[in-house]
Protein backbone atom coordinates (compact mmCIF):
# COMPACT_ATOMS: atom_id res chain seq x y z
CA THR A 1 -10.76 0.99 -13.86
CA SER A 2 -11.81 3.44 -11.18
CA ASN A 3 -14.72 2.83 -8.84
CA ASN A 4 -16.38 5.50 -6.73
CA ASN A 5 -17.83 5.49 -3.23
CA SER A 6 -15.66 2.73 -1.83
CA SER A 7 -14.77 3.30 1.78
CA SER A 8 -11.73 1.13 2.35
CA SER A 9 -9.37 -1.38 0.89
CA SER A 10 -6.40 -3.35 2.10
CA SER A 11 -3.78 -5.75 0.93
CA SER A 12 -5.57 -8.71 2.43
CA SER A 13 -5.82 -10.22 -1.05
CA SER A 14 -2.92 -12.30 -2.29
CA TYR A 15 -1.15 -9.52 -4.20
CA LEU A 16 -1.37 -5.75 -4.44
CA SER A 17 -4.31 -5.14 -6.77
CA ASN A 18 -5.86 -1.76 -5.91
CA ILE A 19 -4.71 1.75 -5.09
CA VAL A 20 -7.08 3.75 -2.90
CA VAL A 21 -7.02 7.47 -3.73
CA ILE A 22 -8.62 10.22 -1.64
CA GLU A 23 -9.40 13.35 -3.64
CA VAL A 24 -8.88 16.67 -1.88
CA ASN A 25 -10.78 19.58 -3.41
CA LYS A 26 -12.25 22.89 -2.31
CA GLU A 27 -15.64 21.36 -1.45
CA ASN A 28 -14.31 18.65 0.86
CA LEU A 29 -11.25 20.51 2.14
CA SER A 30 -12.64 20.92 5.65
CA ILE A 31 -12.97 17.15 6.14
CA THR A 32 -10.01 15.86 4.12
CA TRP A 33 -7.40 18.42 5.19
CA PRO A 34 -7.13 17.37 8.86
CA TYR A 35 -6.82 13.74 7.77
CA LEU A 36 -4.12 14.64 5.25
CA LEU A 37 -2.11 16.54 7.87
CA LEU A 38 -2.47 13.67 10.35
CA SER A 39 -1.26 11.20 7.72
CA ILE A 40 1.78 13.39 7.01
CA ARG A 41 2.66 13.63 10.70
CA ASN A 42 2.39 9.86 11.17
CA ALA A 43 4.34 8.99 8.03
CA SER A 44 7.61 7.07 7.98
CA PHE A 45 8.21 8.60 4.57
CA ILE A 46 6.27 10.61 1.98
CA SER A 47 6.07 10.21 -1.79
CA LEU A 48 5.20 13.08 -4.15
CA ASP A 49 4.17 13.64 -7.76
CA LEU A 50 2.77 16.58 -9.72
CA GLU A 51 0.46 16.86 -12.73
CA LEU A 52 1.47 19.96 -14.70
CA SER A 53 -0.24 22.06 -17.35
CA GLY A 54 2.84 21.61 -19.50
CA LEU A 55 6.54 22.31 -19.74
CA GLY A 56 7.19 23.78 -23.14
CA ILE A 57 9.41 22.25 -25.79
CA GLN A 58 12.71 24.08 -25.82
CA LYS A 59 16.23 23.24 -26.93
CA GLY A 60 17.66 23.67 -23.46
CA TRP A 61 16.06 20.53 -22.01
CA LEU A 62 19.04 18.38 -22.97
CA ALA A 63 21.80 20.95 -22.58
CA LYS A 64 25.00 19.60 -21.05
CA SER A 65 25.21 22.58 -18.74
CA PHE A 66 23.11 22.19 -15.58
CA GLU A 67 22.78 25.97 -15.46
CA GLU A 68 21.31 26.07 -18.96
CA ARG A 69 18.85 23.28 -18.17
CA TYR A 70 17.82 25.04 -14.99
CA ASN A 71 17.08 28.27 -16.84
CA VAL A 72 14.65 26.41 -19.10
CA ILE A 73 13.00 24.61 -16.16
CA ARG A 74 12.76 27.89 -14.23
CA GLN A 75 11.04 29.63 -17.14
CA SER A 76 8.57 26.76 -17.41
CA ALA A 77 7.80 26.76 -13.69
CA GLN A 78 7.19 30.51 -13.82
CA SER A 79 4.80 30.29 -16.78
CA ARG A 80 3.01 26.94 -16.29
CA SER A 81 0.85 25.67 -13.44
CA VAL A 82 0.32 22.66 -11.20
CA LEU A 83 -2.99 20.92 -11.92
CA SER A 84 -2.82 18.41 -9.09
CA VAL A 85 -0.49 17.25 -6.34
CA GLY A 86 -0.16 13.58 -5.48
CA ILE A 87 0.92 12.70 -1.95
CA ALA A 88 1.29 9.15 -0.69
CA THR A 89 2.12 8.70 2.99
CA PHE A 90 3.67 5.42 4.11
CA GLN A 91 3.70 4.43 7.78
CA LEU A 92 5.79 1.39 8.72
CA VAL A 93 3.54 -0.87 10.78
CA SER A 94 5.71 -3.94 11.26
CA ARG A 95 8.87 -5.75 10.25
CA LYS A 96 8.51 -9.51 10.45
CA GLU A 97 11.25 -12.06 9.91
CA THR A 98 10.70 -15.74 10.70
CA ASP A 99 11.65 -19.00 9.03
CA ALA A 100 8.22 -19.06 7.41
CA LYS A 101 7.73 -15.42 6.47
CA LYS A 102 9.63 -12.19 5.89
CA LYS A 103 7.42 -9.15 5.49
CA LEU A 104 7.41 -5.37 5.66
CA LYS A 105 3.94 -3.99 6.32
CA TYR A 106 3.02 -0.40 5.54
CA LYS A 107 -0.14 1.56 6.14
CA CYS A 108 -0.62 3.87 3.18
CA GLN A 109 -2.83 6.83 2.36
CA VAL A 110 -2.88 8.33 -1.13
CA PHE A 111 -4.17 11.85 -1.72
CA ASN A 112 -4.79 13.64 -4.99
CA ILE A 113 -5.12 17.38 -4.41
CA LEU A 114 -6.75 19.40 -7.18
CA THR A 115 -4.97 22.76 -7.48
CA LEU A 116 -6.13 25.74 -9.52
CA CYS A 117 -3.69 28.52 -10.34
CA THR A 118 -5.47 31.90 -10.15
CA VAL A 119 -2.98 33.82 -12.28
CA PRO A 120 -2.62 33.43 -16.06
CA PHE A 121 -0.53 30.46 -17.16
CA ILE A 122 0.44 28.68 -20.39
CA VAL A 123 -1.03 25.42 -21.61
CA GLU A 124 0.27 23.71 -24.76
CA ALA A 125 -2.13 22.10 -27.21
CA ASP A 126 -0.39 18.73 -27.03
CA GLY A 127 -0.59 18.92 -23.25
CA LEU A 128 -4.35 19.37 -23.42
CA GLN A 129 -4.62 16.53 -25.92
CA PHE A 130 -2.63 14.24 -23.67
CA LEU A 131 -4.78 15.05 -20.64
CA SER A 132 -7.97 14.60 -22.66
CA LYS A 133 -6.75 11.26 -24.02
CA HIS A 134 -6.18 10.09 -20.47
CA LYS A 135 -9.66 11.20 -19.40
CA PHE A 136 -8.56 14.19 -17.34
CA ASP A 137 -11.75 15.81 -16.03
CA PHE A 138 -11.26 19.48 -16.89
CA ASN A 139 -14.68 20.51 -15.59
CA ARG A 140 -14.03 18.89 -12.23
CA TRP A 141 -10.62 20.51 -12.00
CA ILE A 142 -12.00 23.99 -12.84
CA ASN A 143 -14.99 23.70 -10.50
CA LEU A 144 -13.31 21.96 -7.57
CA GLY A 145 -9.64 22.92 -7.78
CA ILE A 146 -8.23 24.58 -4.65
CA PRO A 147 -7.12 28.07 -5.76
CA TYR A 148 -3.56 29.18 -5.22
CA GLY A 149 -3.44 32.24 -3.02
CA ASN A 150 -5.22 30.97 0.09
CA ASP A 151 -1.88 29.57 1.30
CA THR A 152 -3.31 26.06 1.56
CA GLU A 153 -0.68 24.59 -0.75
CA LYS A 154 2.16 26.50 0.93
CA THR A 155 0.93 25.27 4.30
CA LEU A 156 0.97 21.75 2.90
CA TRP A 157 4.60 21.94 1.79
CA HIS A 158 5.53 23.51 5.12
CA GLU A 159 3.95 20.50 6.85
CA VAL A 160 5.81 18.05 4.61
CA LEU A 161 9.14 19.70 5.39
CA CYS A 162 8.39 19.94 9.11
CA ALA A 163 7.66 16.20 9.18
CA ALA A 164 11.40 15.66 8.66
CA VAL A 165 11.00 12.25 7.02
CA PRO A 166 12.46 10.88 3.77
CA ILE A 167 10.76 11.96 0.55
CA THR A 168 10.57 9.91 -2.64
CA LEU A 169 10.19 11.28 -6.16
CA HIS A 170 10.53 9.92 -9.68
CA ASN A 171 12.75 11.97 -11.98
CA GLY A 172 12.25 14.67 -9.43
CA LEU A 173 14.14 17.76 -10.62
CA ILE A 174 11.19 19.30 -12.44
CA ASP A 175 8.83 18.45 -9.58
CA LEU A 176 11.17 20.18 -7.13
CA ALA A 177 11.37 23.29 -9.30
CA PHE A 178 7.58 23.55 -9.59
CA ILE A 179 7.09 22.89 -5.86
CA TYR A 180 9.60 25.62 -5.06
CA GLN A 181 8.02 28.17 -7.41
CA HIS A 182 4.36 27.46 -6.66
CA PHE A 183 4.30 26.34 -3.02
CA TYR A 184 7.43 27.79 -1.43
CA SER A 185 9.00 30.92 -2.94
CA ALA A 186 10.21 32.42 -6.20
CA LEU A 187 12.87 30.22 -7.78
CA PRO A 188 16.45 31.45 -7.31
CA GLU A 189 18.09 32.98 -10.36
CA THR A 190 20.95 30.49 -10.55
CA PHE A 191 21.05 26.71 -10.50
CA SER A 192 23.69 26.63 -7.78
CA GLU A 193 21.52 28.76 -5.48
CA PHE A 194 18.58 26.46 -6.16
CA VAL A 195 20.59 23.34 -5.30
CA VAL A 196 21.97 24.84 -2.09
CA SER A 197 18.51 25.95 -0.98
CA VAL A 198 16.75 22.69 -1.86
CA SER A 199 19.47 20.60 -0.22
CA ASP A 200 18.27 21.96 3.14
CA TRP A 201 14.88 20.35 2.53
CA PHE A 202 16.42 16.90 2.46
CA LEU A 203 18.73 17.00 5.44
CA LEU A 204 17.07 15.15 8.29
CA SER A 205 18.17 14.79 11.90
CA GLU A 206 21.90 14.32 12.44
CA GLY A 207 22.56 15.38 8.86
CA ILE A 208 21.04 12.24 7.33
CA PRO A 209 20.05 12.86 3.68
CA GLY A 210 16.40 12.28 2.91
CA LEU A 211 15.61 12.31 -0.84
CA TYR A 212 15.25 9.06 -2.81
CA ASP A 213 14.56 9.20 -6.54
CA SER A 214 13.12 5.97 -7.92
CA LYS A 215 14.40 6.70 -11.43
CA TYR A 216 17.95 7.16 -10.16
CA ILE A 217 17.80 3.96 -8.10
CA ALA A 218 16.36 1.99 -11.03
CA GLU A 219 19.04 3.26 -13.43
CA TYR A 220 22.15 3.36 -11.27
CA ILE A 221 21.59 0.86 -8.44
CA THR A 222 19.21 -1.95 -9.44
CA ARG A 223 20.05 -1.51 -13.14
CA PHE A 224 16.54 -2.10 -14.46
CA LYS A 225 16.19 -2.42 -18.23
CA ALA A 226 14.07 0.73 -18.26
CA SER A 227 13.41 3.47 -15.75
CA PHE A 228 10.12 5.14 -16.69
CA LEU A 229 7.72 5.05 -13.78
CA GLU A 230 5.14 2.48 -14.84
CA TYR A 231 7.81 -0.02 -15.84
CA VAL A 232 9.67 0.44 -12.53
CA PHE A 233 6.45 0.02 -10.55
CA ARG A 234 5.26 -3.00 -12.54
CA LYS A 235 8.63 -4.71 -12.26
CA CYS A 236 8.72 -4.11 -8.49
CA GLN A 237 5.09 -5.23 -8.16
CA ARG A 238 5.82 -8.40 -10.12
CA GLU A 239 8.99 -9.24 -8.20
CA ASN A 240 7.24 -8.49 -4.92
CA ALA A 241 4.56 -11.06 -5.78
CA ILE A 242 7.27 -13.59 -6.64
CA GLU A 243 9.06 -12.93 -3.34
CA GLN A 244 5.78 -13.43 -1.48
CA ALA A 245 5.01 -16.68 -3.31
CA ARG A 246 8.46 -18.03 -2.47
CA ASN A 247 8.27 -17.01 1.21
CA ARG A 248 10.99 -14.43 0.82
CA LEU A 249 10.98 -10.79 1.89
CA TYR A 250 8.05 -8.87 0.41
CA VAL A 251 6.17 -5.61 0.99
CA SER A 252 2.57 -5.61 2.21
CA ILE A 253 0.43 -2.49 1.70
CA GLU A 254 -2.73 -1.67 3.62
CA PHE A 255 -5.09 1.17 2.74
CA ASP A 256 -7.13 1.71 5.88
CA PHE A 257 -9.14 4.68 7.07
CA GLU A 258 -12.05 3.05 8.84
CA SER A 259 -12.02 5.62 11.63
CA THR A 260 -12.96 8.35 9.16
CA GLU A 261 -14.68 6.36 6.43
CA THR A 262 -18.08 7.87 7.15
CA HIS A 263 -16.81 11.34 6.29
CA LEU A 264 -14.43 10.35 3.51
CA LYS A 265 -16.32 7.68 1.59
CA ASN A 266 -17.57 10.11 -1.05
CA THR A 267 -14.04 11.36 -1.76
CA VAL A 268 -12.51 7.96 -2.51
CA ASP A 269 -11.71 6.18 -5.76
CA ILE A 270 -10.20 2.72 -6.09
CA VAL A 271 -7.79 2.32 -9.00
CA ASP A 272 -7.28 -1.18 -10.35
CA CYS A 273 -3.59 -2.07 -10.62
CA LYS A 274 -3.79 -5.86 -10.44
CA LEU A 275 -1.30 -8.03 -12.24
CA PRO A 276 -2.43 -9.70 -15.50
CA ASP A 277 -4.81 -12.64 -15.09
CA ASN A 278 -2.19 -14.95 -16.58
CA PHE A 279 0.52 -13.79 -14.19
CA ASP A 280 2.67 -16.67 -12.99
CA ALA A 281 4.53 -16.01 -9.74
CA SER A 282 6.74 -19.00 -10.40
CA ALA A 283 8.06 -17.58 -13.67
CA SER A 284 11.61 -16.28 -13.57
CA THR A 285 11.45 -14.01 -16.62
CA GLU A 286 9.24 -11.18 -17.83
CA SER A 287 7.38 -12.34 -20.92
CA TYR A 288 6.00 -8.96 -21.95
CA PHE A 289 7.04 -6.63 -24.71
CA ILE A 290 6.90 -2.89 -25.13
CA THR A 291 4.07 -1.60 -27.31
CA ASP A 292 4.21 1.29 -29.77
CA GLU A 293 1.85 3.25 -27.54
CA GLN A 294 4.11 2.78 -24.55
CA LYS A 295 7.19 3.64 -26.58
CA ASN A 296 5.60 6.92 -27.63
CA SER A 297 4.55 7.83 -24.10
CA LEU A 298 7.64 6.89 -22.11
CA CYS A 299 8.25 10.51 -21.22
CA LYS A 300 4.68 11.16 -20.17
CA ARG A 301 5.83 11.96 -16.63
CA TYR A 302 4.36 15.40 -17.06
CA SER A 303 1.37 16.50 -19.07
CA VAL A 304 3.37 16.72 -22.29
CA SER A 305 5.14 14.04 -24.31
CA PHE A 306 8.46 15.56 -25.37
CA PRO A 307 9.62 14.96 -28.96
CA ILE A 308 13.12 16.08 -27.93
CA LEU A 309 13.36 13.08 -25.63
CA THR A 310 12.20 10.43 -28.06
CA PHE A 311 15.75 9.09 -28.28
CA ILE A 312 14.89 7.25 -25.08
CA GLY A 313 12.33 5.19 -26.98
CA ASP A 314 14.91 3.72 -29.38
CA SER A 315 17.02 2.42 -26.53
CA LEU A 316 13.99 0.67 -25.06
CA LEU A 317 12.71 -1.16 -28.13
CA LYS A 318 13.93 -4.47 -26.76
CA THR A 319 12.88 -3.72 -23.22
CA VAL A 320 10.29 -5.97 -21.66
CA VAL A 321 7.34 -4.37 -19.96
CA PHE A 322 3.85 -5.31 -18.87
CA LYS A 323 1.25 -4.96 -21.60
CA LEU A 324 -1.37 -4.13 -19.02
CA LYS A 325 -1.45 -0.41 -18.34
CA ILE A 326 -3.01 1.08 -15.26
CA LEU A 327 -6.17 2.87 -16.32
CA ILE A 328 -6.59 6.07 -14.36
CA LEU A 329 -9.75 8.02 -15.02
CA GLY A 330 -10.51 11.59 -14.01
CA CYS A 331 -7.89 13.68 -12.24
CA HIS A 332 -6.10 11.13 -10.10
CA ARG A 333 -2.90 10.34 -11.98
CA ALA A 334 -0.66 12.39 -9.66
CA GLY A 335 -1.93 10.49 -6.63
CA VAL A 336 -1.46 7.11 -8.29
CA ASP A 337 2.02 8.06 -9.54
CA SER A 338 3.04 9.16 -6.06
CA PHE A 339 2.04 5.74 -4.72
CA MET A 340 3.85 3.88 -7.50
CA THR A 341 6.99 5.88 -6.77
CA GLY A 342 6.88 5.21 -3.03
CA PHE A 343 6.14 1.51 -3.46
CA ALA A 344 9.03 1.10 -5.91
CA VAL A 345 11.52 2.74 -3.55
CA VAL A 346 10.32 0.62 -0.62
CA PHE A 347 10.71 -2.56 -2.64
CA MET A 348 14.16 -1.64 -3.91
CA GLN A 349 15.23 -0.74 -0.35
CA ARG A 350 13.41 -3.58 1.41
CA MET A 351 16.48 -5.32 2.88
CA ASN A 352 17.66 -2.13 4.55
CA LEU A 353 14.16 -1.46 5.85
CA LEU A 354 13.84 -4.97 7.27
CA ARG A 355 17.11 -4.68 9.18
CA THR A 356 16.78 -1.13 10.51
CA GLY A 357 13.29 0.16 9.75
CA ASN A 358 14.87 3.04 7.83
CA PHE A 359 16.11 3.79 4.34
CA ASP A 360 19.84 3.29 3.95
CA PRO A 361 21.74 6.17 2.30
CA LYS A 362 23.97 3.51 0.74
CA CYS A 363 22.75 0.56 -1.28
CA GLY A 364 24.01 -2.22 -3.47
CA LYS A 365 27.09 -4.37 -3.73
CA PHE A 366 29.47 -1.44 -3.85
CA ARG A 367 27.49 0.65 -1.33
CA PHE A 368 26.70 3.48 -3.69
CA TYR A 369 24.98 6.45 -2.14
CA THR A 370 21.37 6.43 -3.33
CA CYS A 371 20.15 9.50 -1.49
CA ASN A 372 19.88 13.09 -2.69
CA LYS A 373 20.70 12.07 -6.26
CA MET A 374 18.57 12.36 -9.37
CA ALA A 375 19.07 10.97 -12.86
CA LEU A 376 19.22 13.51 -15.69
CA PRO A 377 18.14 12.51 -19.23
CA GLY A 378 20.91 12.67 -21.80
CA THR A 379 23.79 12.59 -19.31
CA MET A 380 25.62 9.91 -17.38
CA THR A 381 26.17 12.25 -14.45
CA PRO A 382 23.42 12.38 -11.81
CA LEU A 383 22.47 15.57 -10.07
CA VAL A 384 23.63 15.63 -6.45
CA LEU A 385 21.82 17.87 -3.98
CA GLN A 386 24.36 19.07 -1.45
CA LYS A 387 25.55 22.18 0.34
CA SER A 388 28.42 24.26 -0.98
CA ASP A 389 31.12 26.26 0.78
CA TYR A 390 31.12 28.71 -2.10
CA VAL A 391 27.43 29.38 -2.71
CA LYS A 392 24.99 30.92 -0.26
CA ALA A 393 21.29 30.16 -0.15
CA VAL A 394 18.99 33.01 -1.16
CA ASN A 395 17.78 35.23 1.68
CA ASP A 396 14.11 34.34 1.35
CA HIS A 397 14.90 30.65 1.73
CA VAL A 398 17.14 31.29 4.74
CA ALA A 399 14.28 33.07 6.52
CA LYS A 400 11.77 30.33 5.70
CA TRP A 401 14.18 27.55 6.60
CA THR A 402 14.95 29.06 9.99
CA GLU A 403 11.25 28.87 10.81
CA ILE A 404 10.97 25.29 9.53
CA GLU A 405 14.00 24.14 11.52
CA ARG A 406 12.55 25.71 14.64
CA GLU A 407 9.29 23.81 14.10
CA ARG A 408 11.16 20.57 13.40
CA ASN A 409 13.05 20.88 16.68
CA ARG A 410 9.86 21.72 18.57
CA ARG A 411 8.16 18.58 17.25
CA ILE A 412 11.16 16.44 18.14
CA GLU A 413 11.07 17.76 21.69
CA LEU A 414 7.34 17.14 21.96
CA ARG A 415 7.63 13.88 19.99
CA ILE A 416 4.76 14.87 17.75
């Protein structure tokens, strides 16, 4: 459930049980925006998620050709809108390793930004039904959404890129396309130009790659039985509790904004994500089964459930998953999903983080590269974001990126 007017929460309880979400809207923008920017600048990494008005059901979604898929995604991004942006900032507070305890502690802030597109856009009926079923507050979104056009959202993405820290997404290709179209510039005409341009976003200092997709890691590295977001989060949450109970390496999350709680208390919701009451940290197996409802909503990731992707459901019939679903009321799903994504990546990368304090571009027994790769439904080949000697970035991106690189270097020099 979701409770209003709570000023703070932390992970002082035994296990992660709540997610604190700060709503950013046009009425509270003046007080939440500075805090959001400060959180971004202090972040060790940033996690993102979007809630969309829809995607459209077209044959090209599962095309073998990346170019053909991109054309469909591009058309959707040009005709649909972003309803809300979820941003979770994670700041590494401490790494502790003793005989008695091994712990990574993060300070986390989760923001759900209501965004209102001011130009006509398409909404599918099943998309509206899905949002309504999940208690999306349309009146709140219409009345309090921050309109596109005042450059607030573009300033936000500029700040995220200038922070020059790793970014985590879940099944992130569509998110990246919508971010590019709505908060950066018009999408390039070709897929190769898009990849070359976006690859700049995720090159950090000294050429270190900086994008980590939790779906890719779950499918290709940790080999989870399923890779839809709630399953990945719940599995990581469960295993994290087991690690803590057995005095092994676990992740501790603290939601703390006491210094600004007086101004922000009316913008905060607390989302209950506690483990089931009968959860047994000593158990070595997952004793939960997938429900019909979960099977039919595995591809929820965006505001529409795609019939063309229902083949995924058949392969997951025997997959175990928590029966308890996280109940998110109102407009805060993007914020919660951004947190779940970031937490999952931290847990799956926890050994690297304990040793170095940073994500490791390579992971697993065979040292597979985990960075700048995204899983694509219907294909065994992941998408790799990298530069090309044969394709040039579009001119508009080159101009924007020159400015962003200049700001990145300035902040490094000033150590902002």
